[in-house]
């Protein structure tokens, strides 16, 4: 599977009537979602887990989702097992399409 790199774009809007400025972040994640769907269909990440029994691709998180999760209090960079469990639970429940496997870890 190829490594894909995404960068979010920003759009700035200003409402002159209210004086409120808006910054919209967005990114095209279609290629990422297609790649993850292919990974789930072929089972390649699961093969990696069977070979290594330690490390395999579980999910790929786009920058916009990463920032949203950080804002909601999830620490995706934590090495704490309880925080990892929380992150995996939210991925499993709210973002299953970002997973590279049908397996569930948490």
N, C-alpha and C. Protein backbone atom coordinates (compact mmCIF):
# COMPACT_ATOMS: atom_id res chain seq x y z
N UNK A 1 0.85 -1.16 0.00
CA UNK A 1 0.00 0.00 0.00
C UNK A 1 0.90 1.24 0.00
N UNK A 2 0.57 2.18 -0.83
CA UNK A 2 1.37 3.40 -0.95
C UNK A 2 1.11 4.34 0.23
N UNK A 3 2.12 5.12 0.56
CA UNK A 3 1.96 6.13 1.59
C UNK A 3 1.32 7.36 0.97
N UNK A 4 0.25 7.82 1.57
CA UNK A 4 -0.47 8.97 1.06
C UNK A 4 -0.33 10.12 2.04
N UNK A 5 -0.09 11.32 1.53
CA UNK A 5 0.06 12.49 2.38
C UNK A 5 -1.03 13.49 2.03
N UNK A 6 -1.70 13.99 3.06
CA UNK A 6 -2.79 14.94 2.86
C UNK A 6 -2.50 16.19 3.67
N UNK A 7 -2.87 17.31 3.12
CA UNK A 7 -2.76 18.57 3.84
C UNK A 7 -4.12 19.26 3.76
N UNK A 8 -4.63 19.66 4.90
CA UNK A 8 -5.92 20.34 4.86
C UNK A 8 -5.79 21.73 4.26
N UNK A 9 -6.86 22.19 3.65
CA UNK A 9 -6.91 23.54 3.12
C UNK A 9 -7.77 24.38 4.06
N UNK A 10 -7.59 25.66 3.98
CA UNK A 10 -8.38 26.57 4.80
C UNK A 10 -9.06 27.60 3.92
N UNK A 11 -10.25 27.97 4.32
CA UNK A 11 -10.97 29.03 3.65
C UNK A 11 -11.41 30.03 4.72
N UNK A 12 -11.17 31.29 4.45
CA UNK A 12 -11.50 32.35 5.40
C UNK A 12 -12.74 33.09 4.90
N UNK A 13 -13.72 33.25 5.78
CA UNK A 13 -14.92 34.02 5.48
C UNK A 13 -15.11 35.08 6.56
N UNK A 14 -15.59 36.22 6.15
CA UNK A 14 -15.89 37.27 7.11
C UNK A 14 -17.30 37.79 6.84
N UNK A 15 -18.13 37.75 7.86
CA UNK A 15 -19.50 38.24 7.75
C UNK A 15 -19.52 39.70 8.21
N UNK A 16 -19.66 40.61 7.26
CA UNK A 16 -19.61 42.04 7.59
C UNK A 16 -20.79 42.47 8.44
N UNK A 17 -21.92 41.80 8.30
CA UNK A 17 -23.09 42.17 9.08
C UNK A 17 -22.90 41.88 10.57
N UNK A 18 -22.30 40.75 10.88
CA UNK A 18 -22.14 40.35 12.28
C UNK A 18 -20.74 40.63 12.82
N UNK A 19 -19.77 40.83 11.93
CA UNK A 19 -18.40 41.05 12.36
C UNK A 19 -17.70 39.75 12.78
N UNK A 20 -18.26 38.62 12.40
CA UNK A 20 -17.69 37.32 12.77
C UNK A 20 -16.86 36.77 11.62
N UNK A 21 -15.67 36.30 11.97
CA UNK A 21 -14.79 35.67 10.99
C UNK A 21 -14.86 34.16 11.16
N UNK A 22 -14.84 33.44 10.06
CA UNK A 22 -14.89 31.98 10.06
C UNK A 22 -13.69 31.43 9.31
N UNK A 23 -13.06 30.42 9.88
CA UNK A 23 -12.00 29.69 9.20
C UNK A 23 -12.49 28.27 9.03
N UNK A 24 -12.63 27.83 7.79
CA UNK A 24 -13.09 26.49 7.48
C UNK A 24 -11.89 25.65 7.08
N UNK A 25 -11.74 24.49 7.70
CA UNK A 25 -10.68 23.56 7.33
C UNK A 25 -11.32 22.39 6.59
N UNK A 26 -10.73 22.00 5.50
CA UNK A 26 -11.26 20.87 4.75
C UNK A 26 -10.11 20.19 4.01
N UNK A 27 -10.34 18.94 3.65
CA UNK A 27 -9.35 18.21 2.86
C UNK A 27 -10.06 17.13 2.06
N UNK A 28 -9.47 16.76 0.97
CA UNK A 28 -10.00 15.69 0.13
C UNK A 28 -9.44 14.37 0.65
N UNK A 29 -10.27 13.59 1.30
CA UNK A 29 -9.81 12.32 1.85
C UNK A 29 -10.27 11.13 1.03
N UNK A 30 -10.85 11.38 -0.14
CA UNK A 30 -11.33 10.28 -0.98
C UNK A 30 -10.25 9.25 -1.30
N UNK A 31 -9.04 9.67 -1.70
CA UNK A 31 -8.01 8.66 -1.97
C UNK A 31 -7.66 7.84 -0.71
N UNK A 32 -7.64 8.49 0.44
CA UNK A 32 -7.35 7.79 1.69
C UNK A 32 -8.44 6.77 1.98
N UNK A 33 -9.71 7.18 1.87
CA UNK A 33 -10.82 6.27 2.14
C UNK A 33 -10.81 5.09 1.17
N UNK A 34 -10.49 5.35 -0.09
CA UNK A 34 -10.39 4.26 -1.08
C UNK A 34 -9.28 3.29 -0.70
N UNK A 35 -8.15 3.82 -0.27
CA UNK A 35 -7.01 2.99 0.12
C UNK A 35 -7.36 2.13 1.34
N UNK A 36 -8.06 2.72 2.31
CA UNK A 36 -8.44 1.97 3.51
C UNK A 36 -9.48 0.91 3.19
N UNK A 37 -10.42 1.21 2.30
CA UNK A 37 -11.41 0.22 1.89
C UNK A 37 -10.73 -0.96 1.21
N UNK A 38 -9.74 -0.67 0.38
CA UNK A 38 -8.98 -1.73 -0.29
C UNK A 38 -8.22 -2.57 0.74
N UNK A 39 -7.63 -1.92 1.73
CA UNK A 39 -6.88 -2.64 2.77
C UNK A 39 -7.82 -3.57 3.55
N UNK A 40 -9.01 -3.09 3.88
CA UNK A 40 -9.98 -3.94 4.59
C UNK A 40 -10.39 -5.12 3.72
N UNK A 41 -10.62 -4.85 2.44
CA UNK A 41 -11.08 -5.90 1.52
C UNK A 41 -10.01 -6.97 1.29
N UNK A 42 -8.76 -6.56 1.19
CA UNK A 42 -7.69 -7.53 0.92
C UNK A 42 -7.16 -8.19 2.18
N UNK A 43 -7.32 -7.54 3.32
CA UNK A 43 -6.83 -8.11 4.58
C UNK A 43 -5.34 -8.00 4.79
N UNK A 44 -4.66 -7.17 3.98
CA UNK A 44 -3.20 -7.04 4.12
C UNK A 44 -2.75 -6.61 5.51
N UNK A 45 -3.41 -5.63 6.15
CA UNK A 45 -2.97 -5.28 7.51
C UNK A 45 -3.08 -6.45 8.48
N UNK A 46 -4.09 -7.30 8.31
CA UNK A 46 -4.25 -8.46 9.18
C UNK A 46 -3.12 -9.47 8.95
N UNK A 47 -2.67 -9.58 7.71
CA UNK A 47 -1.53 -10.46 7.42
C UNK A 47 -0.29 -9.96 8.16
N UNK A 48 -0.10 -8.65 8.16
CA UNK A 48 1.04 -8.06 8.86
C UNK A 48 0.99 -8.35 10.35
N UNK A 49 -0.20 -8.32 10.93
CA UNK A 49 -0.35 -8.62 12.35
C UNK A 49 -0.01 -10.08 12.63
N UNK A 50 -0.43 -10.96 11.76
CA UNK A 50 -0.12 -12.38 11.95
C UNK A 50 1.39 -12.64 11.87
N UNK A 51 2.08 -11.89 11.03
CA UNK A 51 3.52 -12.08 10.87
C UNK A 51 4.29 -11.45 12.02
N UNK A 52 3.88 -10.29 12.46
CA UNK A 52 4.64 -9.54 13.46
C UNK A 52 4.10 -9.73 14.87
N UNK A 53 2.79 -9.84 15.01
CA UNK A 53 2.10 -9.98 16.29
C UNK A 53 2.34 -8.78 17.21
N UNK A 54 2.72 -7.67 16.65
CA UNK A 54 2.94 -6.48 17.47
C UNK A 54 2.46 -5.22 16.75
N UNK A 55 2.86 -5.06 15.50
CA UNK A 55 2.60 -3.81 14.80
C UNK A 55 1.93 -4.07 13.47
N UNK A 56 0.85 -3.35 13.22
CA UNK A 56 0.22 -3.36 11.90
C UNK A 56 -0.59 -2.08 11.76
N UNK A 57 -0.96 -1.76 10.55
CA UNK A 57 -1.78 -0.58 10.30
C UNK A 57 -3.19 -0.87 10.79
N UNK A 58 -3.67 -0.05 11.70
CA UNK A 58 -5.02 -0.21 12.23
C UNK A 58 -5.96 0.83 11.63
N UNK A 59 -5.51 2.07 11.54
CA UNK A 59 -6.33 3.15 10.99
C UNK A 59 -5.43 4.26 10.48
N UNK A 60 -5.99 5.09 9.64
CA UNK A 60 -5.29 6.27 9.15
C UNK A 60 -6.19 7.46 9.42
N UNK A 61 -5.68 8.42 10.16
CA UNK A 61 -6.48 9.54 10.63
C UNK A 61 -6.13 10.79 9.84
N UNK A 62 -7.07 11.34 9.07
CA UNK A 62 -6.80 12.60 8.36
C UNK A 62 -6.58 13.75 9.35
N UNK A 63 -5.88 14.76 8.90
CA UNK A 63 -5.54 15.89 9.77
C UNK A 63 -6.80 16.53 10.35
N UNK A 64 -7.84 16.71 9.56
CA UNK A 64 -9.05 17.37 10.07
C UNK A 64 -9.70 16.55 11.18
N UNK A 65 -9.70 15.23 11.07
CA UNK A 65 -10.25 14.38 12.12
C UNK A 65 -9.33 14.42 13.34
N UNK A 66 -8.03 14.38 13.12
CA UNK A 66 -7.05 14.47 14.21
C UNK A 66 -7.29 15.75 15.02
N UNK A 67 -7.43 16.88 14.34
CA UNK A 67 -7.65 18.15 15.03
C UNK A 67 -8.98 18.16 15.78
N UNK A 68 -10.02 17.58 15.19
CA UNK A 68 -11.31 17.50 15.86
C UNK A 68 -11.22 16.65 17.12
N UNK A 69 -10.54 15.51 17.04
CA UNK A 69 -10.39 14.65 18.21
C UNK A 69 -9.58 15.33 19.30
N UNK A 70 -8.53 16.04 18.91
CA UNK A 70 -7.73 16.79 19.89
C UNK A 70 -8.60 17.83 20.59
N UNK A 71 -9.43 18.53 19.83
CA UNK A 71 -10.31 19.55 20.39
C UNK A 71 -11.30 18.92 21.38
N UNK A 72 -11.69 17.68 21.12
CA UNK A 72 -12.65 16.99 21.98
C UNK A 72 -11.98 16.31 23.18
N UNK A 73 -10.65 16.46 23.30
CA UNK A 73 -9.96 15.95 24.48
C UNK A 73 -9.29 14.61 24.32
N UNK A 74 -9.20 14.10 23.10
CA UNK A 74 -8.50 12.83 22.86
C UNK A 74 -7.04 13.13 22.55
N UNK A 75 -6.13 12.40 23.19
CA UNK A 75 -4.70 12.59 22.96
C UNK A 75 -4.20 11.45 22.09
N UNK A 76 -4.18 11.67 20.79
CA UNK A 76 -3.79 10.62 19.85
C UNK A 76 -2.29 10.33 19.90
N UNK A 77 -1.52 11.17 20.56
CA UNK A 77 -0.08 10.98 20.65
C UNK A 77 0.36 10.36 21.97
N UNK A 78 -0.59 10.08 22.83
CA UNK A 78 -0.28 9.57 24.17
C UNK A 78 0.20 8.12 24.09
N UNK A 79 1.10 7.76 24.99
CA UNK A 79 1.54 6.36 25.12
C UNK A 79 0.85 5.67 26.27
N UNK A 80 -0.03 6.40 26.95
CA UNK A 80 -0.79 5.87 28.07
C UNK A 80 -1.83 4.87 27.55
N UNK A 81 -1.86 3.67 28.10
CA UNK A 81 -2.74 2.61 27.62
C UNK A 81 -4.22 2.96 27.77
N UNK A 82 -4.59 3.65 28.85
CA UNK A 82 -5.99 4.02 29.02
C UNK A 82 -6.43 5.05 27.99
N UNK A 83 -5.53 5.97 27.62
CA UNK A 83 -5.86 6.95 26.59
C UNK A 83 -5.91 6.29 25.22
N UNK A 84 -5.00 5.35 24.97
CA UNK A 84 -5.04 4.60 23.72
C UNK A 84 -6.37 3.86 23.58
N UNK A 85 -6.83 3.29 24.67
CA UNK A 85 -8.11 2.58 24.66
C UNK A 85 -9.25 3.54 24.30
N UNK A 86 -9.25 4.75 24.89
CA UNK A 86 -10.28 5.76 24.57
C UNK A 86 -10.24 6.13 23.09
N UNK A 87 -9.03 6.33 22.55
CA UNK A 87 -8.87 6.70 21.15
C UNK A 87 -9.39 5.58 20.25
N UNK A 88 -9.02 4.34 20.55
CA UNK A 88 -9.47 3.22 19.73
C UNK A 88 -10.99 3.07 19.80
N UNK A 89 -11.58 3.32 20.95
CA UNK A 89 -13.03 3.23 21.08
C UNK A 89 -13.73 4.27 20.20
N UNK A 90 -13.22 5.49 20.19
CA UNK A 90 -13.86 6.51 19.35
C UNK A 90 -13.65 6.22 17.87
N UNK A 91 -12.50 5.68 17.50
CA UNK A 91 -12.28 5.30 16.10
C UNK A 91 -13.24 4.19 15.72
N UNK A 92 -13.36 3.18 16.58
CA UNK A 92 -14.25 2.06 16.29
C UNK A 92 -15.71 2.50 16.17
N UNK A 93 -16.14 3.43 17.02
CA UNK A 93 -17.56 3.80 17.03
C UNK A 93 -17.92 4.91 16.05
N UNK A 94 -17.04 5.92 15.92
CA UNK A 94 -17.39 7.08 15.10
C UNK A 94 -16.69 7.12 13.74
N UNK A 95 -15.58 6.44 13.62
CA UNK A 95 -14.80 6.52 12.38
C UNK A 95 -14.38 5.13 11.86
N UNK A 96 -15.28 4.17 11.79
CA UNK A 96 -14.86 2.83 11.34
C UNK A 96 -14.34 2.82 9.91
N UNK A 97 -14.75 3.78 9.10
CA UNK A 97 -14.28 3.87 7.71
C UNK A 97 -12.83 4.33 7.62
N UNK A 98 -12.24 4.77 8.74
CA UNK A 98 -10.82 5.14 8.75
C UNK A 98 -9.94 3.97 9.16
N UNK A 99 -10.57 2.84 9.44
CA UNK A 99 -9.82 1.65 9.84
C UNK A 99 -9.33 0.88 8.61
N UNK A 100 -8.18 0.23 8.74
CA UNK A 100 -7.62 -0.58 7.68
C UNK A 100 -7.95 -2.05 7.86
N UNK A 101 -8.73 -2.36 8.88
CA UNK A 101 -9.07 -3.74 9.20
C UNK A 101 -10.51 -3.79 9.70
N UNK A 102 -11.11 -4.96 9.64
CA UNK A 102 -12.43 -5.14 10.23
C UNK A 102 -12.31 -5.55 11.70
N UNK A 103 -11.10 -5.85 12.14
CA UNK A 103 -10.89 -6.24 13.53
C UNK A 103 -11.11 -5.04 14.45
N UNK A 104 -11.41 -5.34 15.71
CA UNK A 104 -11.63 -4.28 16.69
C UNK A 104 -10.64 -4.45 17.82
N UNK A 105 -9.94 -3.39 18.14
CA UNK A 105 -8.99 -3.37 19.25
C UNK A 105 -9.44 -2.27 20.20
N UNK A 106 -9.30 -2.54 21.47
CA UNK A 106 -9.57 -1.49 22.47
C UNK A 106 -9.47 -2.06 23.85
